[in-house]
Amino acid sequence: MKAMERILKHHIIGCMHYRKGRSVDAKTFILDMVHRHLEIPNSSARLLFVDFSSAFNTLQPHILAGKLASLFHLDDQMILWILDFLTNRSQRVLVNNTLSDLLYTSTGTPQGCVLSPLLFILYTDDCRSIQPDSYMVKYADDTVLLSLHHGQVLQELVDWCDTACLELIVTKTKEMVVSFSNKQRALVTAASTIIHGQPVELVEEYKYLGTTFDHLLKFASNTEDILRKCQQRLYLLRKLNSFGVRKDILLTFYYSFIESIITFSIPCWFYSVSLQYRNRLQSTVKVCSRIIGLPLRNFTSQ
């Protein structure tokens, strides 16, 4: 079945001219660039980090089929195959060597299947902002609404969620107001954002796609997290070295478990952190270099 899914996925991507390389780094970088666009004196930007309730499990196949036909013009036979794949799926639970009765479901996408992420992206493709000075940044089921004033664009998002049968969890949805003016920020935050009669929590910082930043577009908490994780893995590197592990294996461990943490989303945050943080990162790299006995990348010169 997964082989068939891969064939179908390749065909769908070919039909819609899907762009590769839109990784987590790219999405976070786009969001950061939008913030920079709004960095003018006495201005602010409102960020709404939307949280859906079991987004992949609430996708409606009949709505998806309509979008695949009208928006992406997929072949009828392909749409019928996808409908058959998503509907009347059997499932059961094994507890203490006892199987439950079969239960059939026709909602959502199967967990762990090749097509699920792509189908959800297509399902939410028409969730866009048409209002001026507002942006909708999406990565799978992570959605961020960025605007100067939510107003109409927020209502459009709520209406779209209702139409698409996606439940927006207000208690888990967060808002951040980005501004370098305390006075402007106080004016903007004076009125709470309300969704379905519930106020949205206003936060000082947020972890978006693995990268934490605050309302001043600073990444201090994110860098502290990176340093903490690197210190934890330094212990393992020392242990491997004490066991007499070869240098090439130590180097592979470093690239896989330490440098990968440092370089994750590095285009977004590295040039926003202080020289002190950069030196602390480089100090960690130097310790790794001494343990491995080989030169490593110099991050202070990036």
Protein backbone atom coordinates (compact mmCIF):
# COMPACT_ATOMS: atom_id res chain seq x y z
CA MET A 1 0.00 0.00 0.00
CA LYS A 2 2.80 2.44 0.87
CA ALA A 3 4.35 1.83 -2.56
CA MET A 4 1.06 2.85 -4.17
CA GLU A 5 0.88 5.91 -1.91
CA ARG A 6 4.36 6.99 -3.01
CA ILE A 7 3.42 6.61 -6.67
CA LEU A 8 0.28 8.66 -6.14
CA LYS A 9 2.12 11.28 -4.10
CA HIS A 10 4.71 11.70 -6.86
CA HIS A 11 1.94 12.09 -9.44
CA ILE A 12 0.03 14.66 -7.35
CA ILE A 13 3.17 16.71 -6.75
CA GLY A 14 3.85 16.65 -10.48
CA CYS A 15 0.34 17.86 -11.26
CA MET A 16 0.37 20.77 -8.82
CA HIS A 17 4.01 21.84 -9.38
CA TYR A 18 4.71 21.39 -5.70
CA ARG A 19 7.82 23.29 -4.57
CA LYS A 20 10.43 21.32 -2.67
CA GLY A 21 12.71 22.74 -0.02
CA ARG A 22 9.98 24.41 2.03
CA SER A 23 11.44 23.04 5.23
CA VAL A 24 10.91 24.10 8.82
CA ASP A 25 13.89 26.43 8.44
CA ALA A 26 12.31 28.08 5.40
CA LYS A 27 8.94 28.56 7.07
CA THR A 28 10.46 30.07 10.20
CA PHE A 29 12.68 32.27 8.05
CA ILE A 30 9.68 33.54 6.10
CA LEU A 31 7.92 34.46 9.35
CA ASP A 32 11.01 36.27 10.56
CA MET A 33 11.24 38.24 7.32
CA VAL A 34 7.63 39.32 7.65
CA HIS A 35 8.40 40.62 11.13
CA ARG A 36 11.31 42.58 9.77
CA HIS A 37 9.02 44.08 7.13
CA LEU A 38 6.88 45.50 9.94
CA GLU A 39 9.76 46.90 11.95
CA ILE A 40 9.03 50.57 11.44
CA PRO A 41 8.91 53.16 14.25
CA ASN A 42 5.86 52.93 16.53
CA SER A 43 4.43 49.94 14.70
CA SER A 44 3.33 46.51 15.85
CA ALA A 45 2.41 43.14 14.42
CA ARG A 46 -0.06 40.67 15.87
CA LEU A 47 0.80 36.98 15.65
CA LEU A 48 -1.90 34.40 16.22
CA PHE A 49 -0.56 30.85 16.64
CA VAL A 50 -3.53 28.67 15.76
CA ASP A 51 -4.04 25.27 17.37
CA PHE A 52 -6.41 22.79 15.73
CA SER A 53 -7.99 19.88 17.56
CA SER A 54 -6.68 16.62 16.03
CA ALA A 55 -6.37 18.31 12.64
CA PHE A 56 -5.40 15.21 10.67
CA ASN A 57 -8.19 13.19 12.30
CA THR A 58 -10.95 15.67 11.43
CA LEU A 59 -10.24 16.05 7.71
CA GLN A 60 -13.42 15.40 5.71
CA PRO A 61 -12.78 13.24 2.59
CA HIS A 62 -15.81 14.57 0.69
CA ILE A 63 -14.64 18.17 1.18
CA LEU A 64 -11.11 17.18 0.15
CA ALA A 65 -12.43 15.49 -3.00
CA GLY A 66 -14.23 18.68 -4.02
CA LYS A 67 -11.06 20.73 -3.55
CA LEU A 68 -8.92 18.25 -5.47
CA ALA A 69 -11.32 18.57 -8.38
CA SER A 70 -12.02 22.32 -8.34
CA LEU A 71 -8.70 23.73 -7.13
CA PHE A 72 -6.12 21.23 -8.36
CA HIS A 73 -7.98 19.60 -11.30
CA LEU A 74 -6.80 16.11 -10.45
CA ASP A 75 -7.91 13.16 -12.55
CA ASP A 76 -11.30 11.72 -11.55
CA GLN A 77 -9.88 8.22 -11.13
CA MET A 78 -7.19 9.53 -8.81
CA ILE A 79 -9.76 11.36 -6.69
CA LEU A 80 -11.90 8.22 -6.47
CA TRP A 81 -8.86 6.22 -5.34
CA ILE A 82 -8.14 8.77 -2.60
CA LEU A 83 -11.78 8.71 -1.49
CA ASP A 84 -11.73 4.92 -1.33
CA PHE A 85 -8.45 5.08 0.59
CA LEU A 86 -9.86 7.48 3.21
CA THR A 87 -13.37 6.09 3.71
CA ASN A 88 -14.61 2.96 5.47
CA ARG A 89 -11.22 2.27 7.05
CA SER A 90 -11.32 -0.60 9.54
CA GLN A 91 -9.55 -0.40 12.87
CA ARG A 92 -9.37 -2.36 16.11
CA VAL A 93 -7.49 -2.31 19.41
CA LEU A 94 -5.41 -5.08 21.00
CA VAL A 95 -5.44 -5.11 24.82
CA ASN A 96 -4.02 -8.01 26.85
CA ASN A 97 -4.01 -10.25 23.76
CA THR A 98 -7.69 -9.51 23.19
CA LEU A 99 -8.87 -7.83 19.98
CA SER A 100 -11.78 -5.42 20.03
CA ASP A 101 -14.55 -5.50 17.45
CA LEU A 102 -13.88 -3.81 14.13
CA LEU A 103 -14.78 -0.13 13.91
CA TYR A 104 -15.09 1.67 10.58
CA THR A 105 -14.26 5.33 10.11
CA SER A 106 -14.57 7.72 7.18
CA THR A 107 -13.05 10.80 8.80
CA GLY A 108 -9.45 11.99 8.85
CA THR A 109 -6.33 10.46 7.37
CA PRO A 110 -4.55 7.29 8.56
CA GLN A 111 -1.68 7.90 10.96
CA GLY A 112 1.75 7.18 9.56
CA CYS A 113 0.68 6.93 5.93
CA VAL A 114 2.73 8.55 3.17
CA LEU A 115 -0.12 10.65 1.77
CA SER A 116 -1.49 12.14 5.02
CA PRO A 117 0.70 15.29 5.25
CA LEU A 118 0.26 16.10 1.55
CA LEU A 119 -3.50 15.58 1.66
CA PHE A 120 -3.79 17.91 4.65
CA ILE A 121 -1.73 20.57 2.86
CA LEU A 122 -4.10 20.34 -0.12
CA TYR A 123 -7.10 20.41 2.23
CA THR A 124 -5.96 23.69 3.79
CA ASP A 125 -4.61 25.29 0.61
CA ASP A 126 -7.54 27.71 0.33
CA CYS A 127 -7.03 28.93 3.91
CA ARG A 128 -5.46 32.22 2.89
CA SER A 129 -5.61 35.86 3.80
CA ILE A 130 -6.92 38.28 1.20
CA GLN A 131 -6.80 41.29 3.50
CA PRO A 132 -4.03 43.89 3.05
CA ASP A 133 -1.11 43.80 5.51
CA SER A 134 -1.99 40.31 6.70
CA TYR A 135 -0.29 36.98 6.07
CA MET A 136 -1.12 33.32 6.66
CA VAL A 137 1.98 31.19 7.26
CA LYS A 138 1.31 27.43 7.19
CA TYR A 139 3.45 24.36 7.71
CA ALA A 140 1.34 21.18 7.79
CA ASP A 141 -1.09 21.78 10.67
CA ASP A 142 0.94 24.67 12.17
CA THR A 143 -0.78 27.89 11.16
CA VAL A 144 0.18 31.46 12.04
CA LEU A 145 -1.90 34.53 11.26
CA LEU A 146 0.17 37.70 11.07
CA SER A 147 -1.51 41.08 10.71
CA LEU A 148 -1.43 44.66 11.87
CA HIS A 149 -5.02 44.35 13.08
CA HIS A 150 -6.79 40.98 13.17
CA GLY A 151 -10.35 42.22 12.64
CA GLN A 152 -11.81 40.91 9.39
CA VAL A 153 -9.00 38.47 8.61
CA LEU A 154 -9.53 36.69 11.94
CA GLN A 155 -13.23 36.31 11.25
CA GLU A 156 -12.42 34.89 7.82
CA LEU A 157 -10.12 32.32 9.44
CA VAL A 158 -12.78 31.30 11.97
CA ASP A 159 -15.40 31.00 9.21
CA TRP A 160 -13.03 28.90 7.10
CA CYS A 161 -12.38 26.54 10.02
CA ASP A 162 -16.12 26.08 10.50
CA THR A 163 -16.62 25.36 6.79
CA ALA A 164 -13.69 22.92 6.68
CA CYS A 165 -14.86 21.15 9.88
CA LEU A 166 -11.60 21.94 11.66
CA GLU A 167 -12.02 22.78 15.33
CA LEU A 168 -9.95 25.72 16.53
CA ILE A 169 -8.94 25.25 20.19
CA VAL A 170 -9.07 28.73 21.72
CA THR A 171 -7.45 27.66 25.01
CA LYS A 172 -4.36 26.39 23.15
CA THR A 173 -4.26 29.17 20.55
CA LYS A 174 -1.80 31.91 21.57
CA GLU A 175 -1.25 35.50 20.51
CA MET A 176 1.91 37.59 20.57
CA VAL A 177 2.21 41.29 19.83
CA VAL A 178 5.59 42.16 18.31
CA SER A 179 6.60 45.76 18.88
CA PHE A 180 9.70 47.73 19.85
CA SER A 181 7.55 50.48 21.37
CA ASN A 182 6.18 49.77 24.84
CA LYS A 183 3.54 52.43 24.38
CA GLN A 184 2.36 50.98 21.07
CA ARG A 185 2.34 47.46 22.48
CA ALA A 186 0.27 48.60 25.47
CA LEU A 187 -2.27 50.19 23.14
CA VAL A 188 -2.57 47.08 20.99
CA THR A 189 -2.80 44.62 23.88
CA ALA A 190 -5.41 46.66 25.74
CA ALA A 191 -8.16 44.79 23.90
CA SER A 192 -8.09 40.98 23.96
CA THR A 193 -8.60 38.91 20.83
CA ILE A 194 -11.88 37.01 21.13
CA ILE A 195 -12.71 33.75 19.32
CA HIS A 196 -16.06 32.06 19.86
CA GLY A 197 -16.62 34.27 22.90
CA GLN A 198 -13.34 33.24 24.54
CA PRO A 199 -10.27 35.47 24.99
CA VAL A 200 -7.02 34.29 23.42
CA GLU A 201 -4.06 34.14 25.80
CA LEU A 202 -1.40 36.79 25.17
CA VAL A 203 2.17 35.46 25.53
CA GLU A 204 5.59 37.10 25.76
CA GLU A 205 7.36 34.34 23.83
CA TYR A 206 6.41 31.31 21.76
CA LYS A 207 8.08 28.20 20.39
CA TYR A 208 7.17 28.00 16.71
CA LEU A 209 8.35 24.98 14.71
CA GLY A 210 11.09 24.27 17.21
CA THR A 211 12.41 27.84 17.51
CA THR A 212 11.55 30.09 20.47
CA PHE A 213 11.39 33.88 20.08
CA ASP A 214 9.84 36.68 22.10
CA HIS A 215 7.82 39.83 21.43
CA LEU A 216 11.04 41.77 20.75
CA LEU A 217 12.21 39.19 18.18
CA LYS A 218 14.97 38.04 20.50
CA PHE A 219 16.13 34.44 20.76
CA ALA A 220 17.69 34.28 24.24
CA SER A 221 15.48 31.43 25.46
CA ASN A 222 16.08 29.53 22.24
CA THR A 223 19.86 29.86 22.58
CA GLU A 224 19.74 28.76 26.23
CA ASP A 225 17.82 25.65 25.16
CA ILE A 226 20.45 24.91 22.51
CA LEU A 227 23.30 25.29 25.00
CA ARG A 228 21.53 23.06 27.53
CA LYS A 229 20.97 20.30 24.96
CA CYS A 230 24.57 20.52 23.78
CA GLN A 231 25.85 20.15 27.34
CA GLN A 232 23.74 17.02 27.79
CA ARG A 233 25.21 15.47 24.66
CA LEU A 234 28.76 16.48 25.56
CA TYR A 235 28.59 13.90 28.34
CA LEU A 236 27.83 11.19 25.78
CA LEU A 237 30.66 12.40 23.54
CA ARG A 238 33.10 12.17 26.46
CA LYS A 239 31.86 8.68 27.27
CA LEU A 240 32.37 7.52 23.69
CA ASN A 241 35.87 8.97 23.72
CA SER A 242 36.66 7.18 27.01
CA PHE A 243 35.69 3.90 25.35
CA GLY A 244 38.34 4.46 22.67
CA VAL A 245 35.86 5.05 19.84
CA ARG A 246 37.48 6.06 16.52
CA LYS A 247 37.66 9.74 15.56
CA ASP A 248 35.45 9.32 12.50
CA ILE A 249 32.68 7.85 14.66
CA LEU A 250 33.08 10.66 17.22
CA LEU A 251 32.84 13.16 14.38
CA THR A 252 29.69 11.51 13.06
CA PHE A 253 28.19 11.66 16.56
CA TYR A 254 29.07 15.36 16.82
CA TYR A 255 27.48 16.21 13.47
CA SER A 256 24.36 14.15 14.21
CA PHE A 257 23.69 15.03 17.85
CA ILE A 258 25.40 18.35 18.61
CA GLU A 259 26.01 20.45 15.50
CA SER A 260 22.56 19.54 14.17
CA ILE A 261 21.06 21.20 17.26
CA ILE A 262 23.15 24.34 16.83
CA THR A 263 22.41 24.72 13.12
CA PHE A 264 18.66 24.03 13.33
CA SER A 265 16.94 27.18 11.97
CA ILE A 266 20.25 29.03 12.37
CA PRO A 267 19.47 31.55 9.56
CA CYS A 268 16.59 32.85 11.71
CA TRP A 269 18.21 33.37 15.07
CA PHE A 270 22.01 33.43 14.87
CA TYR A 271 22.44 37.08 13.86
CA SER A 272 19.87 38.18 16.44
CA VAL A 273 21.72 36.81 19.48
CA SER A 274 24.40 38.67 21.40
CA LEU A 275 28.13 38.13 20.98
CA GLN A 276 28.14 36.58 24.44
CA TYR A 277 25.80 33.82 23.29
CA ARG A 278 27.82 33.26 20.12
CA ASN A 279 30.98 32.89 22.19
CA ARG A 280 29.25 30.40 24.49
CA LEU A 281 28.21 28.35 21.48
CA GLN A 282 31.73 28.46 20.07
CA SER A 283 33.12 27.46 23.46
CA THR A 284 30.96 24.33 23.34
CA VAL A 285 32.26 23.57 19.84
CA LYS A 286 35.86 24.01 21.01
CA VAL A 287 35.30 21.48 23.81
CA CYS A 288 33.96 19.03 21.22
CA SER A 289 36.96 19.72 19.00
CA ARG A 290 39.38 18.92 21.84
CA ILE A 291 37.54 15.68 22.66
CA ILE A 292 37.45 14.52 19.04
CA GLY A 293 40.93 15.78 18.21
CA LEU A 294 39.85 17.41 14.94
CA PRO A 295 39.06 21.03 13.92
CA LEU A 296 35.36 21.92 13.76
CA ARG A 297 33.31 24.76 12.29
CA ASN A 298 33.88 28.21 13.79
CA PHE A 299 30.47 29.75 14.50
CA THR A 300 31.74 33.12 15.73
CA SER A 301 32.98 33.90 12.21
CA GLN A 302 29.67 33.06 10.51
